[in-house]
């Protein structure tokens, strides 16, 4: 998306109100099309006042309409001077960044003086971005390409990280399912063994090979064994599950560390 500002009227005092209220999208949010983008660039000229704050606030509304959890927005502002329309661009940039809509508000100054540089640096800092001052059209292109390439690289890293975490999560689910299956199978074996023992006791009772006292003692032994095996199964299940959770957290944390290292 390309939004321009202050492009109507002129730099004269008589045109201040018109120029300060002018900010519009000349290239709607879409995939990059060089022909359409060049045509959009020919629709305006670099004249007029500088409503930085109003433009940043407008950009926030633009991006809000197209944002969700799967979208990451980065804003680049190109200016040849400081705010001249009475707005507060530092506050506007901070609000945009803090809203979570934009990860960064970057400023590219075009041959700006020291005073303007100080304000533009403050705007970039408030927006979680960087300030770059260039002296020529060539420098402007270089700065823009540098920022865009960094954004693409970061987006690539984020996608890589997301895919890795997805694989790790699926692996965790598979291991949990496998652990649940093993525990369930062990529980079934314990129950099956108890049924077989109790059936054997019934046969011994029916054939009058044991008395009632012995029957009760044997049943108690079977219950004790079943309880101990069930307790062993539950403890082992929790132990292995806890170990998996610990390894999962270590892996995710290490992946995040690698992501941070790649950004440096």
C-alpha atoms as a PDB file:
ATOM      1  CA  UNK A   1       0.000   0.000   0.000  1.00  0.00           C
ATOM      2  CA  UNK A   2       1.167   3.528  -0.767  1.00  0.00           C
ATOM      3  CA  UNK A   3      -0.366   6.489   1.068  1.00  0.00           C
ATOM      4  CA  UNK A   4       0.727  10.065   0.284  1.00  0.00           C
ATOM      5  CA  UNK A   5       0.242  13.179   2.401  1.00  0.00           C
ATOM      6  CA  UNK A   6       0.395  16.962   2.144  1.00  0.00           C
ATOM      7  CA  UNK A   7       0.416  16.710  -1.645  1.00  0.00           C
ATOM      8  CA  UNK A   8      -2.440  19.070  -2.401  1.00  0.00           C
ATOM      9  CA  UNK A   9      -2.190  22.849  -2.683  1.00  0.00           C
ATOM     10  CA  UNK A  10       1.240  24.325  -2.139  1.00  0.00           C
ATOM     11  CA  UNK A  11       3.696  25.359   0.562  1.00  0.00           C
ATOM     12  CA  UNK A  12       2.072  28.788   0.852  1.00  0.00           C
ATOM     13  CA  UNK A  13       0.272  29.777   4.054  1.00  0.00           C
ATOM     14  CA  UNK A  14      -2.946  30.165   2.096  1.00  0.00           C
ATOM     15  CA  UNK A  15      -2.867  26.469   1.192  1.00  0.00           C
ATOM     16  CA  UNK A  16      -1.911  25.177   4.650  1.00  0.00           C
ATOM     17  CA  UNK A  17      -5.389  23.950   5.605  1.00  0.00           C
ATOM     18  CA  UNK A  18      -5.855  22.163   2.268  1.00  0.00           C
ATOM     19  CA  UNK A  19      -2.385  20.618   2.318  1.00  0.00           C
ATOM     20  CA  UNK A  20      -2.525  19.553   5.981  1.00  0.00           C
ATOM     21  CA  UNK A  21      -5.836  17.787   5.434  1.00  0.00           C
ATOM     22  CA  UNK A  22      -4.627  15.890   2.376  1.00  0.00           C
ATOM     23  CA  UNK A  23      -3.649  12.256   2.815  1.00  0.00           C
ATOM     24  CA  UNK A  24      -4.867   9.463   0.548  1.00  0.00           C
ATOM     25  CA  UNK A  25      -4.097   5.964  -0.671  1.00  0.00           C
ATOM     26  CA  UNK A  26      -2.850   6.019  -4.258  1.00  0.00           C
ATOM     27  CA  UNK A  27      -1.907   2.321  -4.389  1.00  0.00           C
ATOM     28  CA  UNK A  28      -4.353   0.082  -2.465  1.00  0.00           C
ATOM     29  CA  UNK A  29      -3.122  -2.847  -0.397  1.00  0.00           C
ATOM     30  CA  UNK A  30      -2.292  -5.585  -2.878  1.00  0.00           C
ATOM     31  CA  UNK A  31       0.525  -7.567  -4.461  1.00  0.00           C
ATOM     32  CA  UNK A  32       3.201  -5.429  -6.097  1.00  0.00           C
ATOM     33  CA  UNK A  33       2.505  -4.588  -9.749  1.00  0.00           C
ATOM     34  CA  UNK A  34       5.274  -2.372 -11.178  1.00  0.00           C
ATOM     35  CA  UNK A  35       3.109  -0.812 -13.911  1.00  0.00           C
ATOM     36  CA  UNK A  36       0.243   0.025 -11.577  1.00  0.00           C
ATOM     37  CA  UNK A  37       2.668   1.286  -8.936  1.00  0.00           C
ATOM     38  CA  UNK A  38       4.472   3.585 -11.417  1.00  0.00           C
ATOM     39  CA  UNK A  39       1.091   4.919 -12.514  1.00  0.00           C
ATOM     40  CA  UNK A  40       0.205   5.633  -8.869  1.00  0.00           C
ATOM     41  CA  UNK A  41       3.482   7.550  -8.405  1.00  0.00           C
ATOM     42  CA  UNK A  42       2.595   9.854 -11.313  1.00  0.00           C
ATOM     43  CA  UNK A  43      -0.616  11.003  -9.618  1.00  0.00           C
ATOM     44  CA  UNK A  44       1.060  13.441  -7.204  1.00  0.00           C
ATOM     45  CA  UNK A  45       4.022  15.804  -6.773  1.00  0.00           C
ATOM     46  CA  UNK A  46       6.180  16.509  -3.686  1.00  0.00           C
ATOM     47  CA  UNK A  47       4.662  19.854  -2.696  1.00  0.00           C
ATOM     48  CA  UNK A  48       2.787  21.246   0.265  1.00  0.00           C
ATOM     49  CA  UNK A  49       2.929  20.932   4.041  1.00  0.00           C
ATOM     50  CA  UNK A  50       3.795  17.877   6.161  1.00  0.00           C
ATOM     51  CA  UNK A  51       0.926  16.254   8.125  1.00  0.00           C
ATOM     52  CA  UNK A  52       2.968  13.335   9.502  1.00  0.00           C
ATOM     53  CA  UNK A  53       0.690  12.616  12.476  1.00  0.00           C
ATOM     54  CA  UNK A  54      -2.495  12.643  10.383  1.00  0.00           C
ATOM     55  CA  UNK A  55      -0.906  10.310   7.844  1.00  0.00           C
ATOM     56  CA  UNK A  56       0.244   7.847  10.523  1.00  0.00           C
ATOM     57  CA  UNK A  57      -3.236   7.867  12.076  1.00  0.00           C
ATOM     58  CA  UNK A  58      -4.743   7.223   8.640  1.00  0.00           C
ATOM     59  CA  UNK A  59      -2.304   4.361   8.080  1.00  0.00           C
ATOM     60  CA  UNK A  60      -3.444   2.788  11.356  1.00  0.00           C
ATOM     61  CA  UNK A  61      -7.029   2.759  10.088  1.00  0.00           C
ATOM     62  CA  UNK A  62      -5.861   1.331   6.735  1.00  0.00           C
ATOM     63  CA  UNK A  63      -4.048  -1.559   8.376  1.00  0.00           C
ATOM     64  CA  UNK A  64      -6.706  -2.211  11.021  1.00  0.00           C
ATOM     65  CA  UNK A  65      -9.154  -3.181   8.289  1.00  0.00           C
ATOM     66  CA  UNK A  66      -6.739  -5.803   6.942  1.00  0.00           C
ATOM     67  CA  UNK A  67      -5.144  -7.147  10.110  1.00  0.00           C
ATOM     68  CA  UNK A  68      -5.452 -10.441  11.954  1.00  0.00           C
ATOM     69  CA  UNK A  69      -3.215 -12.823  13.894  1.00  0.00           C
ATOM     70  CA  UNK A  70      -1.574 -14.090  10.695  1.00  0.00           C
ATOM     71  CA  UNK A  71      -0.627 -10.645   9.339  1.00  0.00           C
ATOM     72  CA  UNK A  72       2.488  -8.617  10.108  1.00  0.00           C
ATOM     73  CA  UNK A  73       2.542  -4.971   8.982  1.00  0.00           C
ATOM     74  CA  UNK A  74       5.566  -2.697   8.662  1.00  0.00           C
ATOM     75  CA  UNK A  75       5.257   1.040   7.952  1.00  0.00           C
ATOM     76  CA  UNK A  76       7.851   3.166   6.127  1.00  0.00           C
ATOM     77  CA  UNK A  77       7.474   6.946   6.110  1.00  0.00           C
ATOM     78  CA  UNK A  78       9.472   9.050   3.667  1.00  0.00           C
ATOM     79  CA  UNK A  79       9.675  12.754   4.528  1.00  0.00           C
ATOM     80  CA  UNK A  80      11.771  15.769   3.580  1.00  0.00           C
ATOM     81  CA  UNK A  81      11.027  17.532   6.870  1.00  0.00           C
ATOM     82  CA  UNK A  82       9.349  17.547  10.262  1.00  0.00           C
ATOM     83  CA  UNK A  83       5.654  17.818  11.132  1.00  0.00           C
ATOM     84  CA  UNK A  84       4.314  21.249  10.032  1.00  0.00           C
ATOM     85  CA  UNK A  85       0.584  20.807  10.605  1.00  0.00           C
ATOM     86  CA  UNK A  86       0.468  20.923  14.407  1.00  0.00           C
ATOM     87  CA  UNK A  87       0.067  17.173  14.904  1.00  0.00           C
ATOM     88  CA  UNK A  88       1.984  14.892  17.267  1.00  0.00           C
ATOM     89  CA  UNK A  89       3.679  12.259  15.064  1.00  0.00           C
ATOM     90  CA  UNK A  90       5.572  10.747  18.022  1.00  0.00           C
ATOM     91  CA  UNK A  91       2.295   9.987  19.801  1.00  0.00           C
ATOM     92  CA  UNK A  92       0.703   8.729  16.579  1.00  0.00           C
ATOM     93  CA  UNK A  93       3.640   6.371  15.895  1.00  0.00           C
ATOM     94  CA  UNK A  94       3.612   5.081  19.477  1.00  0.00           C
ATOM     95  CA  UNK A  95      -0.141   4.430  19.324  1.00  0.00           C
ATOM     96  CA  UNK A  96       0.235   2.561  16.034  1.00  0.00           C
ATOM     97  CA  UNK A  97       3.089   0.421  17.341  1.00  0.00           C
ATOM     98  CA  UNK A  98       1.458  -0.255  20.734  1.00  0.00           C
ATOM     99  CA  UNK A  99      -1.791  -1.254  19.028  1.00  0.00           C
ATOM    100  CA  UNK A 100      -0.016  -4.329  17.665  1.00  0.00           C
ATOM    101  CA  UNK A 101      -1.201  -3.503  14.141  1.00  0.00           C
ATOM    102  CA  UNK A 102       2.292  -2.537  12.960  1.00  0.00           C
ATOM    103  CA  UNK A 103       5.493  -4.139  14.198  1.00  0.00           C
ATOM    104  CA  UNK A 104       7.522  -1.052  13.293  1.00  0.00           C
ATOM    105  CA  UNK A 105       7.187   2.509  12.019  1.00  0.00           C
ATOM    106  CA  UNK A 106      10.391   3.309  10.111  1.00  0.00           C
ATOM    107  CA  UNK A 107      11.357   6.797   8.914  1.00  0.00           C
ATOM    108  CA  UNK A 108      13.472   7.643   5.868  1.00  0.00           C
ATOM    109  CA  UNK A 109      14.439  11.322   5.921  1.00  0.00           C
ATOM    110  CA  UNK A 110      15.270  12.922   2.577  1.00  0.00           C
ATOM    111  CA  UNK A 111      18.105  15.392   3.149  1.00  0.00           C
ATOM    112  CA  UNK A 112      16.573  16.786   6.360  1.00  0.00           C
ATOM    113  CA  UNK A 113      18.284  19.221   8.749  1.00  0.00           C
ATOM    114  CA  UNK A 114      19.367  18.554  12.315  1.00  0.00           C
ATOM    115  CA  UNK A 115      16.151  19.782  13.946  1.00  0.00           C
ATOM    116  CA  UNK A 116      13.958  17.737  11.657  1.00  0.00           C
ATOM    117  CA  UNK A 117      16.230  14.719  12.161  1.00  0.00           C
ATOM    118  CA  UNK A 118      15.677  14.870  15.914  1.00  0.00           C
ATOM    119  CA  UNK A 119      11.907  14.780  15.520  1.00  0.00           C
ATOM    120  CA  UNK A 120      11.957  12.050  12.881  1.00  0.00           C
ATOM    121  CA  UNK A 121      14.295   9.945  15.011  1.00  0.00           C
ATOM    122  CA  UNK A 122      11.886  10.333  17.924  1.00  0.00           C
ATOM    123  CA  UNK A 123       8.998   9.253  15.694  1.00  0.00           C
ATOM    124  CA  UNK A 124      10.870   6.140  14.546  1.00  0.00           C
ATOM    125  CA  UNK A 125      11.890   5.274  18.108  1.00  0.00           C
ATOM    126  CA  UNK A 126       8.316   5.657  19.369  1.00  0.00           C
ATOM    127  CA  UNK A 127       7.146   3.432  16.515  1.00  0.00           C
ATOM    128  CA  UNK A 128       9.648   0.699  17.296  1.00  0.00           C
ATOM    129  CA  UNK A 129      11.480   1.328  14.029  1.00  0.00           C
ATOM    130  CA  UNK A 130      14.617   2.998  12.681  1.00  0.00           C
ATOM    131  CA  UNK A 131      15.478   6.397  11.229  1.00  0.00           C
ATOM    132  CA  UNK A 132      17.626   6.722   8.089  1.00  0.00           C
ATOM    133  CA  UNK A 133      18.675  10.034   6.516  1.00  0.00           C
ATOM    134  CA  UNK A 134      19.632  10.059   2.837  1.00  0.00           C
ATOM    135  CA  UNK A 135      21.073  12.819   0.645  1.00  0.00           C
ATOM    136  CA  UNK A 136      19.970  11.794  -2.839  1.00  0.00           C
ATOM    137  CA  UNK A 137      17.444   9.851  -4.853  1.00  0.00           C
ATOM    138  CA  UNK A 138      19.942   7.015  -5.156  1.00  0.00           C
ATOM    139  CA  UNK A 139      20.397   6.971  -1.391  1.00  0.00           C
ATOM    140  CA  UNK A 140      16.629   6.953  -0.972  1.00  0.00           C
ATOM    141  CA  UNK A 141      16.321   3.869  -3.162  1.00  0.00           C
ATOM    142  CA  UNK A 142      19.185   2.141  -1.325  1.00  0.00           C
ATOM    143  CA  UNK A 143      17.629   2.867   2.065  1.00  0.00           C
ATOM    144  CA  UNK A 144      14.210   1.676   0.932  1.00  0.00           C
ATOM    145  CA  UNK A 145      15.635  -1.548  -0.518  1.00  0.00           C
ATOM    146  CA  UNK A 146      17.654  -2.168   2.653  1.00  0.00           C
ATOM    147  CA  UNK A 147      14.563  -1.799   4.825  1.00  0.00           C
ATOM    148  CA  UNK A 148      12.425  -3.910   2.519  1.00  0.00           C
ATOM    149  CA  UNK A 149      15.057  -6.665   2.337  1.00  0.00           C
ATOM    150  CA  UNK A 150      15.305  -6.701   6.128  1.00  0.00           C
ATOM    151  CA  UNK A 151      11.523  -6.951   6.379  1.00  0.00           C
ATOM    152  CA  UNK A 152      11.464  -9.825   3.883  1.00  0.00           C
ATOM    153  CA  UNK A 153      14.267 -11.613   5.748  1.00  0.00           C
ATOM    154  CA  UNK A 154      12.469 -11.190   9.067  1.00  0.00           C
ATOM    155  CA  UNK A 155       9.214 -12.392   7.546  1.00  0.00           C
ATOM    156  CA  UNK A 156      11.058 -15.436   6.172  1.00  0.00           C
ATOM    157  CA  UNK A 157      12.543 -16.146   9.588  1.00  0.00           C
ATOM    158  CA  UNK A 158       9.126 -15.812  11.207  1.00  0.00           C
ATOM    159  CA  UNK A 159       7.602 -18.239   8.707  1.00  0.00           C
ATOM    160  CA  UNK A 160      10.478 -20.672   9.282  1.00  0.00           C
ATOM    161  CA  UNK A 161      10.010 -20.402  13.037  1.00  0.00           C
ATOM    162  CA  UNK A 162       6.256 -20.907  12.743  1.00  0.00           C
ATOM    163  CA  UNK A 163       6.739 -24.014  10.601  1.00  0.00           C
ATOM    164  CA  UNK A 164       9.333 -25.406  13.007  1.00  0.00           C
ATOM    165  CA  UNK A 165       7.028 -24.815  15.957  1.00  0.00           C
ATOM    166  CA  UNK A 166       4.187 -26.466  14.056  1.00  0.00           C
ATOM    167  CA  UNK A 167       6.359 -29.549  13.484  1.00  0.00           C
ATOM    168  CA  UNK A 168       7.373 -29.561  17.149  1.00  0.00           C
ATOM    169  CA  UNK A 169       3.755 -29.275  18.265  1.00  0.00           C
ATOM    170  CA  UNK A 170       2.708 -32.124  15.992  1.00  0.00           C
ATOM    171  CA  UNK A 171       5.603 -34.203  17.320  1.00  0.00           C
ATOM    172  CA  UNK A 172       4.456 -33.445  20.851  1.00  0.00           C
ATOM    173  CA  UNK A 173       0.902 -34.498  19.993  1.00  0.00           C
ATOM    174  CA  UNK A 174       2.169 -37.740  18.455  1.00  0.00           C
ATOM    175  CA  UNK A 175       4.253 -38.536  21.530  1.00  0.00           C
ATOM    176  CA  UNK A 176       1.337 -37.752  23.841  1.00  0.00           C
ATOM    177  CA  UNK A 177      -0.916 -40.007  21.814  1.00  0.00           C
ATOM    178  CA  UNK A 178       1.705 -42.764  21.895  1.00  0.00           C
ATOM    179  CA  UNK A 179       2.106 -42.372  25.654  1.00  0.00           C
ATOM    180  CA  UNK A 180      -1.672 -42.480  26.144  1.00  0.00           C
ATOM    181  CA  UNK A 181      -1.860 -45.648  24.032  1.00  0.00           C
ATOM    182  CA  UNK A 182       0.870 -47.382  26.050  1.00  0.00           C
ATOM    183  CA  UNK A 183      -0.713 -46.407  29.355  1.00  0.00           C
ATOM    184  CA  UNK A 184      -4.138 -47.525  28.180  1.00  0.00           C
ATOM    185  CA  UNK A 185      -2.773 -50.861  26.932  1.00  0.00           C
ATOM    186  CA  UNK A 186      -0.997 -51.459  30.251  1.00  0.00           C
ATOM    187  CA  UNK A 187      -4.234 -50.679  32.127  1.00  0.00           C
ATOM    188  CA  UNK A 188      -6.114 -53.179  29.951  1.00  0.00           C
ATOM    189  CA  UNK A 189      -3.507 -55.859  30.702  1.00  0.00           C
ATOM    190  CA  UNK A 190      -3.853 -55.269  34.443  1.00  0.00           C
ATOM    191  CA  UNK A 191      -7.636 -55.524  34.242  1.00  0.00           C
ATOM    192  CA  UNK A 192      -7.433 -58.643  32.075  1.00  0.00           C
ATOM    193  CA  UNK A 193      -5.038 -60.289  34.538  1.00  0.00           C
ATOM    194  CA  UNK A 194      -7.381 -59.501  37.445  1.00  0.00           C
ATOM    195  CA  UNK A 195     -10.334 -61.018  35.596  1.00  0.00           C
ATOM    196  CA  UNK A 196      -8.347 -64.200  34.878  1.00  0.00           C
ATOM    197  CA  UNK A 197      -7.271 -64.553  38.519  1.00  0.00           C
ATOM    198  CA  UNK A 198     -10.835 -63.994  39.758  1.00  0.00           C
ATOM    199  CA  UNK A 199     -12.166 -66.524  37.282  1.00  0.00           C
ATOM    200  CA  UNK A 200      -9.607 -69.047  38.532  1.00  0.00           C
ATOM    201  CA  UNK A 201     -10.712 -68.378  42.130  1.00  0.00           C
ATOM    202  CA  UNK A 202     -14.340 -68.976  41.126  1.00  0.00           C
ATOM    203  CA  UNK A 203     -13.366 -72.344  39.624  1.00  0.00           C
ATOM    204  CA  UNK A 204     -11.482 -73.286  42.802  1.00  0.00           C
ATOM    205  CA  UNK A 205     -14.522 -72.348  44.875  1.00  0.00           C
ATOM    206  CA  UNK A 206     -16.894 -74.264  42.599  1.00  0.00           C
ATOM    207  CA  UNK A 207     -14.743 -77.392  42.786  1.00  0.00           C
ATOM    208  CA  UNK A 208     -14.509 -76.910  46.566  1.00  0.00           C
ATOM    209  CA  UNK A 209     -10.705 -76.766  46.462  1.00  0.00           C
ATOM    210  CA  UNK A 210     -10.553 -73.645  48.647  1.00  0.00           C
ATOM    211  CA  UNK A 211     -12.744 -72.356  51.447  1.00  0.00           C
ATOM    212  CA  UNK A 212     -14.309 -68.890  51.836  1.00  0.00           C
ATOM    213  CA  UNK A 213     -11.451 -67.567  53.997  1.00  0.00           C
ATOM    214  CA  UNK A 214      -8.852 -68.528  51.394  1.00  0.00           C
ATOM    215  CA  UNK A 215     -11.039 -67.088  48.643  1.00  0.00           C
ATOM    216  CA  UNK A 216     -11.131 -63.718  50.400  1.00  0.00           C
ATOM    217  CA  UNK A 217      -7.381 -63.755  51.013  1.00  0.00           C
ATOM    218  CA  UNK A 218      -6.678 -64.483  47.351  1.00  0.00           C
ATOM    219  CA  UNK A 219      -9.066 -61.750  46.191  1.00  0.00           C
ATOM    220  CA  UNK A 220      -7.336 -59.301  48.485  1.00  0.00           C
ATOM    221  CA  UNK A 221      -3.951 -60.243  47.034  1.00  0.00           C
ATOM    222  CA  UNK A 222      -5.304 -59.776  43.520  1.00  0.00           C
ATOM    223  CA  UNK A 223      -6.744 -56.353  44.409  1.00  0.00           C
ATOM    224  CA  UNK A 224      -3.465 -55.282  46.020  1.00  0.00           C
ATOM    225  CA  UNK A 225      -1.502 -56.352  42.966  1.00  0.00           C
ATOM    226  CA  UNK A 226      -3.936 -54.587  40.629  1.00  0.00           C
ATOM    227  CA  UNK A 227      -3.752 -51.392  42.679  1.00  0.00           C
ATOM    228  CA  UNK A 228       0.045 -51.423  42.763  1.00  0.00           C
ATOM    229  CA  UNK A 229       0.299 -52.006  39.022  1.00  0.00           C
ATOM    230  CA  UNK A 230      -2.239 -49.229  38.352  1.00  0.00           C
ATOM    231  CA  UNK A 231      -0.326 -46.874  40.623  1.00  0.00           C
ATOM    232  CA  UNK A 232       2.921 -47.764  38.853  1.00  0.00           C
ATOM    233  CA  UNK A 233       1.260 -47.102  35.497  1.00  0.00           C
ATOM    234  CA  UNK A 234      -0.103 -43.712  36.603  1.00  0.00           C
ATOM    235  CA  UNK A 235       3.231 -42.621  38.102  1.00  0.00           C
ATOM    236  CA  UNK A 236       5.178 -43.674  35.025  1.00  0.00           C
ATOM    237  CA  UNK A 237       2.679 -41.890  32.788  1.00  0.00           C
ATOM    238  CA  UNK A 238       3.018 -38.606  34.739  1.00  0.00           C
ATOM    239  CA  UNK A 239       6.814 -38.961  34.863  1.00  0.00           C
ATOM    240  CA  UNK A 240       7.135 -39.401  31.106  1.00  0.00           C
ATOM    241  CA  UNK A 241       4.578 -36.703  30.377  1.00  0.00           C
ATOM    242  CA  UNK A 242       6.451 -34.255  32.601  1.00  0.00           C
ATOM    243  CA  UNK A 243       9.707 -35.171  30.863  1.00  0.00           C
ATOM    244  CA  UNK A 244       8.143 -34.553  27.443  1.00  0.00           C
ATOM    245  CA  UNK A 245       6.811 -31.164  28.567  1.00  0.00           C
ATOM    246  CA  UNK A 246      10.266 -30.226  29.853  1.00  0.00           C
ATOM    247  CA  UNK A 247      11.943 -31.222  26.588  1.00  0.00           C
ATOM    248  CA  UNK A 248       9.251 -29.420  24.607  1.00  0.00           C
ATOM    249  CA  UNK A 249       9.835 -26.162  26.516  1.00  0.00           C
ATOM    250  CA  UNK A 250      13.611 -26.485  26.064  1.00  0.00           C
ATOM    251  CA  UNK A 251      13.189 -26.984  22.317  1.00  0.00           C
ATOM    252  CA  UNK A 252      10.788 -24.040  21.911  1.00  0.00           C
ATOM    253  CA  UNK A 253      13.037 -21.764  23.992  1.00  0.00           C
ATOM    254  CA  UNK A 254      16.089 -22.756  21.975  1.00  0.00           C
ATOM    255  CA  UNK A 255      14.211 -22.076  18.745  1.00  0.00           C
ATOM    256  CA  UNK A 256      13.301 -18.596  20.030  1.00  0.00           C
ATOM    257  CA  UNK A 257      16.957 -17.996  20.945  1.00  0.00           C
ATOM    258  CA  UNK A 258      18.034 -18.952  17.430  1.00  0.00           C
ATOM    259  CA  UNK A 259      15.460 -16.535  16.024  1.00  0.00           C
ATOM    260  CA  UNK A 260      16.827 -13.690  18.146  1.00  0.00           C
ATOM    261  CA  UNK A 261      20.412 -14.549  17.151  1.00  0.00           C
ATOM    262  CA  UNK A 262      19.451 -14.473  13.468  1.00  0.00           C
ATOM    263  CA  UNK A 263      18.111 -10.912  13.875  1.00  0.00           C
ATOM    264  CA  UNK A 264      21.403  -9.597  15.290  1.00  0.00           C
END
